[in-house]
C-alpha cells in the first residue's frame, strides 16, 4: 500500500468556518508525506487514478476534477471541468460518481436530482413526500438508492433515465454495494441485508455493540465492514448474510476496509491490520488486538494547526475504487 488519505475539518481562527485538508501518509512508516488544502465544496467522493488520487469540487455552474500524486508535494491540478445542472446548489446533500460522471443532489426540499454530467442530461427528478437522504450509487451507476421517510427507494438505469426498481419499508441509512447486488442498512441495534434481485423482506444480521454503521465494502462488493460504538468492527459476507469476523479493535474506529484477505482498521492515530480467514473459517469468529498482523502509529502532520476536529473520515489508498 502506498499511503492513506485523510480528510479533516478544522475550525478556523475565528471559530466560525471550516477548512478541508487532504493528507497523504506512508503506511509502512506512518510518516506524513504532504497535506493539500482543498478550496471550494468537495463532492463527497475521492478515488484513485493510477498513482494519483482524484476528487471533485463543486461550483454553481461546474464540477471540477482535481488530481494529486500520493507521494507528491505539488498542489492538486485541475484535470477536467464538467457542466452542473441549472440552478444547482453546491451546498446541499451531494453524491458524485466519477465514472460514469453522475451527480446526485437534493437541490430543493424533498426533490432528488440525478445529473449526467458527461451528456448534460437529467436522469432522475423525483419529488418525495418527505425529505430524502442517504443517496448511494453502484460503482457502474446502474443502480441508485436513497431513503425517504420510512422507505428506501432503489432506482435502475434505463434508456430514458432511472426508473423505480424496488421500494422497501425500512428505516435507517441504506448503502448500496459497489456491485449493485446488495443493500445494507443499519439502525440502533442491528444491520439488515437486502439483495436487489429479491422481493422478500431482508434478514437481520446480529451486530455487536450499539448503533452499528457500515463504513465500506470490498471492491468486489461481496463483503461489508461495519463499526459499532463499542469499538468493534464486523465483517459481513453479503452472499450468505453470515458474520465472517468480529474484531475487538479496542479503539475508536474512523475508517476501515478490505484489501484482498486483509482487514485494515484506522483509528486513534494508528492503523491495525488483521488477516481475514478465507477457507475453513468459523462463523462469528472473534479476534482482538493481540491477533493483529501489524500496527503502525502515525506521526502528526506539521502543517495542520491544532484545534477541534469536527469529523475525520479516512480511506486507505488500496481500497479506493480505481475508476480511471
C-alpha atoms as a PDB file:
ATOM      1  CA  UNK A   1       0.000   0.000   0.000  1.00  0.00           C
ATOM      2  CA  UNK A   2       1.397   3.367  -0.979  1.00  0.00           C
ATOM      3  CA  UNK A   3      -0.288   5.501   1.624  1.00  0.00           C
ATOM      4  CA  UNK A   4      -3.555   6.509   3.156  1.00  0.00           C
ATOM      5  CA  UNK A   5      -5.700   9.534   2.657  1.00  0.00           C
ATOM      6  CA  UNK A   6      -7.386  11.522   5.397  1.00  0.00           C
ATOM      7  CA  UNK A   7      -9.766  14.423   5.337  1.00  0.00           C
ATOM      8  CA  UNK A   8     -10.096  16.702   8.327  1.00  0.00           C
ATOM      9  CA  UNK A   9     -12.376  19.639   9.058  1.00  0.00           C
ATOM     10  CA  UNK A  10     -10.770  22.155  11.382  1.00  0.00           C
ATOM     11  CA  UNK A  11     -12.169  25.258  12.986  1.00  0.00           C
ATOM     12  CA  UNK A  12     -10.634  28.438  11.640  1.00  0.00           C
ATOM     13  CA  UNK A  13      -9.090  31.005  13.953  1.00  0.00           C
ATOM     14  CA  UNK A  14     -12.354  32.945  14.170  1.00  0.00           C
ATOM     15  CA  UNK A  15     -14.135  29.740  15.210  1.00  0.00           C
ATOM     16  CA  UNK A  16     -16.797  30.069  12.503  1.00  0.00           C
ATOM     17  CA  UNK A  17     -15.503  28.478   9.293  1.00  0.00           C
ATOM     18  CA  UNK A  18     -14.027  25.105   8.467  1.00  0.00           C
ATOM     19  CA  UNK A  19     -11.079  24.307   6.193  1.00  0.00           C
ATOM     20  CA  UNK A  20     -10.698  20.970   4.434  1.00  0.00           C
ATOM     21  CA  UNK A  21      -7.276  19.319   4.208  1.00  0.00           C
ATOM     22  CA  UNK A  22      -6.385  16.164   2.296  1.00  0.00           C
ATOM     23  CA  UNK A  23      -3.259  14.451   3.613  1.00  0.00           C
ATOM     24  CA  UNK A  24      -1.185  11.524   2.320  1.00  0.00           C
ATOM     25  CA  UNK A  25       0.827   9.257   4.609  1.00  0.00           C
ATOM     26  CA  UNK A  26       3.269   6.390   4.255  1.00  0.00           C
ATOM     27  CA  UNK A  27       1.534   3.308   5.629  1.00  0.00           C
ATOM     28  CA  UNK A  28       4.735   1.418   6.489  1.00  0.00           C
ATOM     29  CA  UNK A  29       6.359   4.221   8.493  1.00  0.00           C
ATOM     30  CA  UNK A  30       3.335   6.320   9.454  1.00  0.00           C
ATOM     31  CA  UNK A  31       5.166   9.492   8.387  1.00  0.00           C
ATOM     32  CA  UNK A  32       3.156  12.289   6.735  1.00  0.00           C
ATOM     33  CA  UNK A  33       4.047  12.974   3.097  1.00  0.00           C
ATOM     34  CA  UNK A  34       2.095  16.134   2.376  1.00  0.00           C
ATOM     35  CA  UNK A  35      -1.151  17.982   3.083  1.00  0.00           C
ATOM     36  CA  UNK A  36      -3.192  19.524   0.290  1.00  0.00           C
ATOM     37  CA  UNK A  37      -5.703  22.259   1.207  1.00  0.00           C
ATOM     38  CA  UNK A  38      -8.952  21.933  -0.736  1.00  0.00           C
ATOM     39  CA  UNK A  39     -10.770  25.055  -1.841  1.00  0.00           C
ATOM     40  CA  UNK A  40     -14.460  25.000  -2.707  1.00  0.00           C
ATOM     41  CA  UNK A  41     -17.156  22.483  -1.869  1.00  0.00           C
ATOM     42  CA  UNK A  42     -15.983  18.879  -2.170  1.00  0.00           C
ATOM     43  CA  UNK A  43     -18.396  16.455  -3.806  1.00  0.00           C
ATOM     44  CA  UNK A  44     -18.094  13.679  -1.211  1.00  0.00           C
ATOM     45  CA  UNK A  45     -16.089  11.270  -3.392  1.00  0.00           C
ATOM     46  CA  UNK A  46     -12.362  10.501  -3.524  1.00  0.00           C
ATOM     47  CA  UNK A  47     -10.903   7.898  -5.866  1.00  0.00           C
ATOM     48  CA  UNK A  48      -7.573   6.623  -7.234  1.00  0.00           C
ATOM     49  CA  UNK A  49      -6.387   7.139 -10.807  1.00  0.00           C
ATOM     50  CA  UNK A  50      -3.157   5.255 -11.455  1.00  0.00           C
ATOM     51  CA  UNK A  51      -0.619   6.512  -8.909  1.00  0.00           C
ATOM     52  CA  UNK A  52      -2.712   9.589  -8.148  1.00  0.00           C
ATOM     53  CA  UNK A  53      -5.759  10.443  -6.081  1.00  0.00           C
ATOM     54  CA  UNK A  54      -8.627  12.446  -7.527  1.00  0.00           C
ATOM     55  CA  UNK A  55     -11.536  14.371  -6.026  1.00  0.00           C
ATOM     56  CA  UNK A  56     -14.241  16.729  -7.282  1.00  0.00           C
ATOM     57  CA  UNK A  57     -15.222  20.212  -6.153  1.00  0.00           C
ATOM     58  CA  UNK A  58     -18.491  21.943  -6.924  1.00  0.00           C
ATOM     59  CA  UNK A  59     -19.447  25.399  -8.109  1.00  0.00           C
ATOM     60  CA  UNK A  60     -22.916  26.672  -9.076  1.00  0.00           C
ATOM     61  CA  UNK A  61     -22.165  26.103 -12.790  1.00  0.00           C
ATOM     62  CA  UNK A  62     -19.446  23.461 -12.895  1.00  0.00           C
ATOM     63  CA  UNK A  63     -17.971  20.267 -11.457  1.00  0.00           C
ATOM     64  CA  UNK A  64     -14.165  20.363 -11.344  1.00  0.00           C
ATOM     65  CA  UNK A  65     -11.995  17.231 -11.165  1.00  0.00           C
ATOM     66  CA  UNK A  66      -8.633  17.596  -9.358  1.00  0.00           C
ATOM     67  CA  UNK A  67      -5.642  15.255  -9.175  1.00  0.00           C
ATOM     68  CA  UNK A  68      -2.652  14.914  -6.834  1.00  0.00           C
ATOM     69  CA  UNK A  69       0.079  12.290  -6.589  1.00  0.00           C
ATOM     70  CA  UNK A  70       0.100  10.233  -3.409  1.00  0.00           C
ATOM     71  CA  UNK A  71       3.823  10.911  -2.942  1.00  0.00           C
ATOM     72  CA  UNK A  72       3.832  14.365  -4.498  1.00  0.00           C
ATOM     73  CA  UNK A  73       4.327  17.644  -2.666  1.00  0.00           C
ATOM     74  CA  UNK A  74       2.849  19.610  -5.564  1.00  0.00           C
ATOM     75  CA  UNK A  75      -0.676  21.014  -5.083  1.00  0.00           C
ATOM     76  CA  UNK A  76      -3.593  19.309  -6.847  1.00  0.00           C
ATOM     77  CA  UNK A  77      -4.018  20.182 -10.521  1.00  0.00           C
ATOM     78  CA  UNK A  78      -7.253  20.696 -12.438  1.00  0.00           C
ATOM     79  CA  UNK A  79      -7.779  17.869 -14.955  1.00  0.00           C
ATOM     80  CA  UNK A  80     -11.391  18.303 -16.106  1.00  0.00           C
ATOM     81  CA  UNK A  81     -14.386  20.607 -15.806  1.00  0.00           C
ATOM     82  CA  UNK A  82     -17.940  19.327 -16.307  1.00  0.00           C
ATOM     83  CA  UNK A  83     -21.209  21.279 -16.503  1.00  0.00           C
ATOM     84  CA  UNK A  84     -23.517  21.398 -13.476  1.00  0.00           C
ATOM     85  CA  UNK A  85     -27.318  21.363 -13.771  1.00  0.00           C
ATOM     86  CA  UNK A  86     -29.267  24.608 -13.947  1.00  0.00           C
ATOM     87  CA  UNK A  87     -29.908  26.360 -10.616  1.00  0.00           C
ATOM     88  CA  UNK A  88     -27.507  23.960  -8.917  1.00  0.00           C
ATOM     89  CA  UNK A  89     -26.860  24.468  -5.187  1.00  0.00           C
ATOM     90  CA  UNK A  90     -23.398  23.021  -4.315  1.00  0.00           C
ATOM     91  CA  UNK A  91     -24.036  23.363  -0.579  1.00  0.00           C
ATOM     92  CA  UNK A  92     -26.817  20.755  -0.487  1.00  0.00           C
ATOM     93  CA  UNK A  93     -26.717  16.980   0.001  1.00  0.00           C
ATOM     94  CA  UNK A  94     -24.393  15.694  -2.747  1.00  0.00           C
ATOM     95  CA  UNK A  95     -23.134  12.381  -4.151  1.00  0.00           C
ATOM     96  CA  UNK A  96     -20.747  12.239  -7.125  1.00  0.00           C
ATOM     97  CA  UNK A  97     -19.882   9.109  -9.140  1.00  0.00           C
ATOM     98  CA  UNK A  98     -16.731   9.672 -11.233  1.00  0.00           C
ATOM     99  CA  UNK A  99     -17.314   7.078 -13.992  1.00  0.00           C
ATOM    100  CA  UNK A 100     -19.831   7.457 -15.442  1.00  0.00           C
ATOM    101  CA  UNK A 101     -19.938  11.089 -14.300  1.00  0.00           C
ATOM    102  CA  UNK A 102     -23.171  11.182 -12.278  1.00  0.00           C
ATOM    103  CA  UNK A 103     -24.151  13.812  -9.743  1.00  0.00           C
ATOM    104  CA  UNK A 104     -26.962  13.149  -7.257  1.00  0.00           C
ATOM    105  CA  UNK A 105     -28.214  16.086  -5.213  1.00  0.00           C
ATOM    106  CA  UNK A 106     -31.172  17.459  -3.312  1.00  0.00           C
ATOM    107  CA  UNK A 107     -31.346  20.959  -4.845  1.00  0.00           C
ATOM    108  CA  UNK A 108     -34.664  21.933  -3.289  1.00  0.00           C
ATOM    109  CA  UNK A 109     -36.666  20.483  -0.422  1.00  0.00           C
ATOM    110  CA  UNK A 110     -37.957  16.953  -0.979  1.00  0.00           C
ATOM    111  CA  UNK A 111     -36.544  16.615  -4.511  1.00  0.00           C
ATOM    112  CA  UNK A 112     -33.845  14.195  -5.698  1.00  0.00           C
ATOM    113  CA  UNK A 113     -31.954  15.103  -8.878  1.00  0.00           C
ATOM    114  CA  UNK A 114     -29.543  12.815 -10.756  1.00  0.00           C
ATOM    115  CA  UNK A 115     -27.489  14.592 -13.402  1.00  0.00           C
ATOM    116  CA  UNK A 116     -25.447  13.020 -16.242  1.00  0.00           C
ATOM    117  CA  UNK A 117     -22.524  15.464 -16.382  1.00  0.00           C
ATOM    118  CA  UNK A 118     -20.966  13.905 -19.483  1.00  0.00           C
ATOM    119  CA  UNK A 119     -24.086  14.454 -21.592  1.00  0.00           C
ATOM    120  CA  UNK A 120     -25.688  17.371 -19.679  1.00  0.00           C
ATOM    121  CA  UNK A 121     -28.837  15.336 -19.115  1.00  0.00           C
ATOM    122  CA  UNK A 122     -31.250  14.897 -16.195  1.00  0.00           C
ATOM    123  CA  UNK A 123     -31.656  11.175 -15.434  1.00  0.00           C
ATOM    124  CA  UNK A 124     -33.969  11.478 -12.418  1.00  0.00           C
ATOM    125  CA  UNK A 125     -36.068  14.279 -10.942  1.00  0.00           C
ATOM    126  CA  UNK A 126     -38.131  12.759  -8.149  1.00  0.00           C
ATOM    127  CA  UNK A 127     -40.312  14.757  -5.765  1.00  0.00           C
ATOM    128  CA  UNK A 128     -40.822  12.967  -2.442  1.00  0.00           C
ATOM    129  CA  UNK A 129     -43.391  13.438   0.316  1.00  0.00           C
ATOM    130  CA  UNK A 130     -40.645  13.507   2.949  1.00  0.00           C
ATOM    131  CA  UNK A 131     -37.079  14.785   2.778  1.00  0.00           C
ATOM    132  CA  UNK A 132     -34.810  12.199   1.066  1.00  0.00           C
ATOM    133  CA  UNK A 133     -31.334  11.311   2.327  1.00  0.00           C
ATOM    134  CA  UNK A 134     -28.623   8.607   2.242  1.00  0.00           C
ATOM    135  CA  UNK A 135     -28.010   8.587  -1.528  1.00  0.00           C
ATOM    136  CA  UNK A 136     -25.688   5.871  -2.945  1.00  0.00           C
ATOM    137  CA  UNK A 137     -24.730   4.680  -6.466  1.00  0.00           C
ATOM    138  CA  UNK A 138     -23.436   1.280  -7.523  1.00  0.00           C
ATOM    139  CA  UNK A 139     -19.925   1.608  -8.964  1.00  0.00           C
ATOM    140  CA  UNK A 140     -21.175   1.435 -12.569  1.00  0.00           C
ATOM    141  CA  UNK A 141     -24.093   3.814 -11.963  1.00  0.00           C
ATOM    142  CA  UNK A 142     -26.671   1.176 -12.925  1.00  0.00           C
ATOM    143  CA  UNK A 143     -28.422   1.352  -9.535  1.00  0.00           C
ATOM    144  CA  UNK A 144     -29.152   4.338  -7.304  1.00  0.00           C
ATOM    145  CA  UNK A 145     -30.727   4.261  -3.844  1.00  0.00           C
ATOM    146  CA  UNK A 146     -31.906   6.707  -1.173  1.00  0.00           C
ATOM    147  CA  UNK A 147     -34.181   6.791   1.864  1.00  0.00           C
ATOM    148  CA  UNK A 148     -37.247   8.946   2.423  1.00  0.00           C
ATOM    149  CA  UNK A 149     -39.494   8.722   5.457  1.00  0.00           C
ATOM    150  CA  UNK A 150     -39.689   5.050   6.436  1.00  0.00           C
ATOM    151  CA  UNK A 151     -38.970   3.637   2.974  1.00  0.00           C
ATOM    152  CA  UNK A 152     -35.939   3.018   0.760  1.00  0.00           C
ATOM    153  CA  UNK A 153     -36.238   3.526  -2.992  1.00  0.00           C
ATOM    154  CA  UNK A 154     -33.998   1.631  -5.411  1.00  0.00           C
ATOM    155  CA  UNK A 155     -33.775   3.033  -8.950  1.00  0.00           C
ATOM    156  CA  UNK A 156     -32.419   1.217 -12.027  1.00  0.00           C
ATOM    157  CA  UNK A 157     -30.877   2.852 -15.069  1.00  0.00           C
ATOM    158  CA  UNK A 158     -32.804   2.633 -18.344  1.00  0.00           C
ATOM    159  CA  UNK A 159     -32.525   4.273 -21.777  1.00  0.00           C
ATOM    160  CA  UNK A 160     -34.540   7.318 -20.691  1.00  0.00           C
ATOM    161  CA  UNK A 161     -33.022   7.691 -17.221  1.00  0.00           C
ATOM    162  CA  UNK A 162     -33.701   5.994 -13.885  1.00  0.00           C
ATOM    163  CA  UNK A 163     -36.891   4.014 -13.267  1.00  0.00           C
ATOM    164  CA  UNK A 164     -38.108   2.762  -9.888  1.00  0.00           C
ATOM    165  CA  UNK A 165     -36.945  -0.832  -9.356  1.00  0.00           C
ATOM    166  CA  UNK A 166     -37.978  -1.620  -5.754  1.00  0.00           C
ATOM    167  CA  UNK A 167     -39.448   0.108  -2.685  1.00  0.00           C
ATOM    168  CA  UNK A 168     -38.538  -1.246   0.749  1.00  0.00           C
ATOM    169  CA  UNK A 169     -40.237  -0.417   4.016  1.00  0.00           C
ATOM    170  CA  UNK A 170     -37.046   0.156   6.001  1.00  0.00           C
ATOM    171  CA  UNK A 171     -35.665   2.763   8.370  1.00  0.00           C
ATOM    172  CA  UNK A 172     -32.031   3.772   8.635  1.00  0.00           C
ATOM    173  CA  UNK A 173     -29.485   4.844   6.046  1.00  0.00           C
ATOM    174  CA  UNK A 174     -29.180   2.460   3.053  1.00  0.00           C
ATOM    175  CA  UNK A 175     -25.794   1.701   1.479  1.00  0.00           C
ATOM    176  CA  UNK A 176     -25.614   0.079  -1.936  1.00  0.00           C
ATOM    177  CA  UNK A 177     -22.732  -2.344  -2.517  1.00  0.00           C
ATOM    178  CA  UNK A 178     -20.306  -1.489  -5.373  1.00  0.00           C
ATOM    179  CA  UNK A 179     -21.586  -4.377  -7.497  1.00  0.00           C
ATOM    180  CA  UNK A 180     -25.194  -3.223  -7.029  1.00  0.00           C
ATOM    181  CA  UNK A 181     -26.321  -6.618  -5.738  1.00  0.00           C
ATOM    182  CA  UNK A 182     -26.882  -5.788  -2.059  1.00  0.00           C
ATOM    183  CA  UNK A 183     -28.264  -3.040   0.147  1.00  0.00           C
ATOM    184  CA  UNK A 184     -27.081  -2.866   3.752  1.00  0.00           C
ATOM    185  CA  UNK A 185     -28.698  -0.533   6.247  1.00  0.00           C
ATOM    186  CA  UNK A 186     -28.262  -0.073   9.960  1.00  0.00           C
ATOM    187  CA  UNK A 187     -30.454   1.017  12.830  1.00  0.00           C
ATOM    188  CA  UNK A 188     -29.700   1.349  16.540  1.00  0.00           C
ATOM    189  CA  UNK A 189     -29.421  -2.368  17.252  1.00  0.00           C
ATOM    190  CA  UNK A 190     -28.815  -4.372  14.074  1.00  0.00           C
ATOM    191  CA  UNK A 191     -27.863  -4.489  10.410  1.00  0.00           C
ATOM    192  CA  UNK A 192     -30.185  -5.595   7.645  1.00  0.00           C
ATOM    193  CA  UNK A 193     -29.189  -7.082   4.301  1.00  0.00           C
ATOM    194  CA  UNK A 194     -31.340  -6.998   1.185  1.00  0.00           C
ATOM    195  CA  UNK A 195     -30.441  -8.222  -2.309  1.00  0.00           C
ATOM    196  CA  UNK A 196     -31.556  -6.025  -5.167  1.00  0.00           C
ATOM    197  CA  UNK A 197     -32.862  -9.032  -7.140  1.00  0.00           C
ATOM    198  CA  UNK A 198     -35.078 -10.306  -4.306  1.00  0.00           C
ATOM    199  CA  UNK A 199     -38.542  -9.138  -3.309  1.00  0.00           C
ATOM    200  CA  UNK A 200     -38.758 -10.742   0.139  1.00  0.00           C
ATOM    201  CA  UNK A 201     -38.042  -8.945   3.407  1.00  0.00           C
ATOM    202  CA  UNK A 202     -34.342  -8.649   4.323  1.00  0.00           C
ATOM    203  CA  UNK A 203     -32.882 -10.785   7.134  1.00  0.00           C
ATOM    204  CA  UNK A 204     -31.491  -9.239  10.290  1.00  0.00           C
ATOM    205  CA  UNK A 205     -27.761  -9.521  10.862  1.00  0.00           C
ATOM    206  CA  UNK A 206     -26.711  -9.561  14.526  1.00  0.00           C
ATOM    207  CA  UNK A 207     -24.048  -6.942  15.148  1.00  0.00           C
ATOM    208  CA  UNK A 208     -22.054  -6.495  18.368  1.00  0.00           C
ATOM    209  CA  UNK A 209     -22.394  -3.259  20.280  1.00  0.00           C
ATOM    210  CA  UNK A 210     -24.774  -0.372  19.924  1.00  0.00           C
ATOM    211  CA  UNK A 211     -25.609   1.579  16.754  1.00  0.00           C
ATOM    212  CA  UNK A 212     -23.633  -0.330  14.097  1.00  0.00           C
ATOM    213  CA  UNK A 213     -22.800   1.577  10.910  1.00  0.00           C
ATOM    214  CA  UNK A 214     -21.380   0.342   7.618  1.00  0.00           C
ATOM    215  CA  UNK A 215     -18.187   2.109   6.582  1.00  0.00           C
ATOM    216  CA  UNK A 216     -17.089   0.245   3.489  1.00  0.00           C
ATOM    217  CA  UNK A 217     -17.193  -2.691   1.112  1.00  0.00           C
ATOM    218  CA  UNK A 218     -14.647  -4.941  -0.528  1.00  0.00           C
ATOM    219  CA  UNK A 219     -14.006  -3.889  -4.158  1.00  0.00           C
ATOM    220  CA  UNK A 220     -15.979  -6.884  -5.469  1.00  0.00           C
ATOM    221  CA  UNK A 221     -18.969  -5.964  -3.300  1.00  0.00           C
ATOM    222  CA  UNK A 222     -19.092  -9.375  -1.585  1.00  0.00           C
ATOM    223  CA  UNK A 223     -18.012  -8.208   1.889  1.00  0.00           C
ATOM    224  CA  UNK A 224     -19.116  -5.260   4.014  1.00  0.00           C
ATOM    225  CA  UNK A 225     -17.306  -3.905   7.050  1.00  0.00           C
ATOM    226  CA  UNK A 226     -19.169  -2.154   9.864  1.00  0.00           C
ATOM    227  CA  UNK A 227     -18.201  -0.492  13.130  1.00  0.00           C
ATOM    228  CA  UNK A 228     -20.028  -0.234  16.448  1.00  0.00           C
ATOM    229  CA  UNK A 229     -19.823   2.239  19.289  1.00  0.00           C
ATOM    230  CA  UNK A 230     -18.263  -0.417  21.496  1.00  0.00           C
ATOM    231  CA  UNK A 231     -15.024  -0.037  19.459  1.00  0.00           C
ATOM    232  CA  UNK A 232     -15.513  -3.210  17.454  1.00  0.00           C
ATOM    233  CA  UNK A 233     -15.682  -3.983  13.728  1.00  0.00           C
ATOM    234  CA  UNK A 234     -17.738  -6.652  11.966  1.00  0.00           C
ATOM    235  CA  UNK A 235     -17.066  -8.257   8.565  1.00  0.00           C
ATOM    236  CA  UNK A 236     -20.249  -9.381   6.806  1.00  0.00           C
ATOM    237  CA  UNK A 237     -20.482 -11.915   3.973  1.00  0.00           C
ATOM    238  CA  UNK A 238     -23.074 -10.326   1.663  1.00  0.00           C
ATOM    239  CA  UNK A 239     -23.590 -13.536  -0.312  1.00  0.00           C
ATOM    240  CA  UNK A 240     -24.629 -15.663   2.666  1.00  0.00           C
ATOM    241  CA  UNK A 241     -25.601 -12.942   5.145  1.00  0.00           C
ATOM    242  CA  UNK A 242     -23.266 -14.505   7.718  1.00  0.00           C
ATOM    243  CA  UNK A 243     -20.816 -12.734  10.025  1.00  0.00           C
ATOM    244  CA  UNK A 244     -17.302 -13.694   8.910  1.00  0.00           C
ATOM    245  CA  UNK A 245     -15.316 -11.969  11.626  1.00  0.00           C
ATOM    246  CA  UNK A 246     -15.752  -9.746  14.702  1.00  0.00           C
ATOM    247  CA  UNK A 247     -12.768  -7.574  15.627  1.00  0.00           C
ATOM    248  CA  UNK A 248     -12.395  -6.115  19.109  1.00  0.00           C
ATOM    249  CA  UNK A 249     -10.288  -3.160  17.961  1.00  0.00           C
ATOM    250  CA  UNK A 250     -10.058  -1.511  21.400  1.00  0.00           C
ATOM    251  CA  UNK A 251     -10.002   1.971  19.815  1.00  0.00           C
ATOM    252  CA  UNK A 252     -12.361   4.463  18.249  1.00  0.00           C
ATOM    253  CA  UNK A 253     -12.667   3.484  14.578  1.00  0.00           C
ATOM    254  CA  UNK A 254     -12.555   6.233  11.937  1.00  0.00           C
ATOM    255  CA  UNK A 255     -12.115   4.131   8.797  1.00  0.00           C
ATOM    256  CA  UNK A 256     -11.876   0.507   7.768  1.00  0.00           C
ATOM    257  CA  UNK A 257     -11.942  -1.674   4.702  1.00  0.00           C
ATOM    258  CA  UNK A 258     -10.940  -4.884   2.955  1.00  0.00           C
ATOM    259  CA  UNK A 259      -7.812  -5.265   0.798  1.00  0.00           C
ATOM    260  CA  UNK A 260      -7.766  -8.810  -0.622  1.00  0.00           C
ATOM    261  CA  UNK A 261      -7.550 -11.031   2.514  1.00  0.00           C
ATOM    262  CA  UNK A 262      -6.585  -8.216   4.877  1.00  0.00           C
ATOM    263  CA  UNK A 263      -8.838  -6.154   7.128  1.00  0.00           C
ATOM    264  CA  UNK A 264      -7.470  -2.685   7.818  1.00  0.00           C
ATOM    265  CA  UNK A 265      -8.786  -0.559  10.693  1.00  0.00           C
ATOM    266  CA  UNK A 266      -7.780   3.092  11.224  1.00  0.00           C
ATOM    267  CA  UNK A 267      -8.318   4.967  14.459  1.00  0.00           C
ATOM    268  CA  UNK A 268      -6.707   6.851  17.349  1.00  0.00           C
ATOM    269  CA  UNK A 269      -3.610   7.765  15.348  1.00  0.00           C
ATOM    270  CA  UNK A 270      -2.780   4.252  14.173  1.00  0.00           C
ATOM    271  CA  UNK A 271      -3.611   1.646  11.561  1.00  0.00           C
ATOM    272  CA  UNK A 272      -4.024  -2.027  12.506  1.00  0.00           C
ATOM    273  CA  UNK A 273      -4.358  -4.995  10.131  1.00  0.00           C
ATOM    274  CA  UNK A 274      -5.830  -8.457  10.601  1.00  0.00           C
ATOM    275  CA  UNK A 275      -5.861 -11.463   8.273  1.00  0.00           C
ATOM    276  CA  UNK A 276      -9.320 -12.482   7.089  1.00  0.00           C
ATOM    277  CA  UNK A 277      -9.809 -16.278   7.147  1.00  0.00           C
ATOM    278  CA  UNK A 278     -10.661 -17.469   3.629  1.00  0.00           C
ATOM    279  CA  UNK A 279     -11.019 -21.255   3.958  1.00  0.00           C
ATOM    280  CA  UNK A 280     -12.396 -23.405   6.757  1.00  0.00           C
ATOM    281  CA  UNK A 281     -13.268 -20.358   8.823  1.00  0.00           C
ATOM    282  CA  UNK A 282     -15.644 -20.360  11.770  1.00  0.00           C
ATOM    283  CA  UNK A 283     -18.631 -18.055  11.558  1.00  0.00           C
ATOM    284  CA  UNK A 284     -18.788 -15.280  14.167  1.00  0.00           C
ATOM    285  CA  UNK A 285     -15.108 -15.793  14.976  1.00  0.00           C
ATOM    286  CA  UNK A 286     -13.785 -13.062  17.263  1.00  0.00           C
ATOM    287  CA  UNK A 287     -10.264 -11.594  17.346  1.00  0.00           C
ATOM    288  CA  UNK A 288      -8.605  -8.764  19.249  1.00  0.00           C
ATOM    289  CA  UNK A 289      -5.531  -6.549  19.077  1.00  0.00           C
ATOM    290  CA  UNK A 290      -3.293  -9.463  20.100  1.00  0.00           C
ATOM    291  CA  UNK A 291      -4.300 -11.323  16.929  1.00  0.00           C
ATOM    292  CA  UNK A 292      -3.412  -8.429  14.622  1.00  0.00           C
ATOM    293  CA  UNK A 293      -0.715  -8.697  11.948  1.00  0.00           C
ATOM    294  CA  UNK A 294       0.708  -5.177  12.086  1.00  0.00           C
ATOM    295  CA  UNK A 295       0.201  -1.890  13.937  1.00  0.00           C
ATOM    296  CA  UNK A 296       1.538   1.398  12.558  1.00  0.00           C
ATOM    297  CA  UNK A 297       1.496   4.639  14.525  1.00  0.00           C
ATOM    298  CA  UNK A 298       1.057   7.851  12.522  1.00  0.00           C
ATOM    299  CA  UNK A 299       3.086  10.970  13.189  1.00  0.00           C
ATOM    300  CA  UNK A 300       1.154  14.258  13.378  1.00  0.00           C
ATOM    301  CA  UNK A 301       1.348  16.435  10.284  1.00  0.00           C
ATOM    302  CA  UNK A 302       3.331  19.633  10.959  1.00  0.00           C
ATOM    303  CA  UNK A 303       1.239  21.682   8.529  1.00  0.00           C
ATOM    304  CA  UNK A 304      -2.104  21.094  10.316  1.00  0.00           C
ATOM    305  CA  UNK A 305      -2.686  23.538  13.125  1.00  0.00           C
ATOM    306  CA  UNK A 306      -4.169  22.225  16.365  1.00  0.00           C
ATOM    307  CA  UNK A 307      -7.841  22.732  17.033  1.00  0.00           C
ATOM    308  CA  UNK A 308     -11.113  20.870  17.488  1.00  0.00           C
ATOM    309  CA  UNK A 309     -11.784  18.288  14.783  1.00  0.00           C
ATOM    310  CA  UNK A 310     -15.333  18.117  13.514  1.00  0.00           C
ATOM    311  CA  UNK A 311     -15.008  14.855  11.594  1.00  0.00           C
ATOM    312  CA  UNK A 312     -12.223  12.640  10.300  1.00  0.00           C
ATOM    313  CA  UNK A 313     -13.267  10.124   7.612  1.00  0.00           C
ATOM    314  CA  UNK A 314     -10.302   8.005   6.437  1.00  0.00           C
ATOM    315  CA  UNK A 315      -9.648   5.814   3.410  1.00  0.00           C
ATOM    316  CA  UNK A 316      -6.776   3.517   2.524  1.00  0.00           C
ATOM    317  CA  UNK A 317      -5.453   4.028  -0.993  1.00  0.00           C
ATOM    318  CA  UNK A 318      -5.606   0.318  -1.845  1.00  0.00           C
ATOM    319  CA  UNK A 319      -9.349   0.234  -1.067  1.00  0.00           C
ATOM    320  CA  UNK A 320     -10.306   3.267  -3.109  1.00  0.00           C
ATOM    321  CA  UNK A 321     -12.198   2.347  -6.312  1.00  0.00           C
ATOM    322  CA  UNK A 322      -9.998   2.941  -9.372  1.00  0.00           C
ATOM    323  CA  UNK A 323     -12.336   4.480 -11.923  1.00  0.00           C
ATOM    324  CA  UNK A 324      -9.537   5.611 -14.234  1.00  0.00           C
END
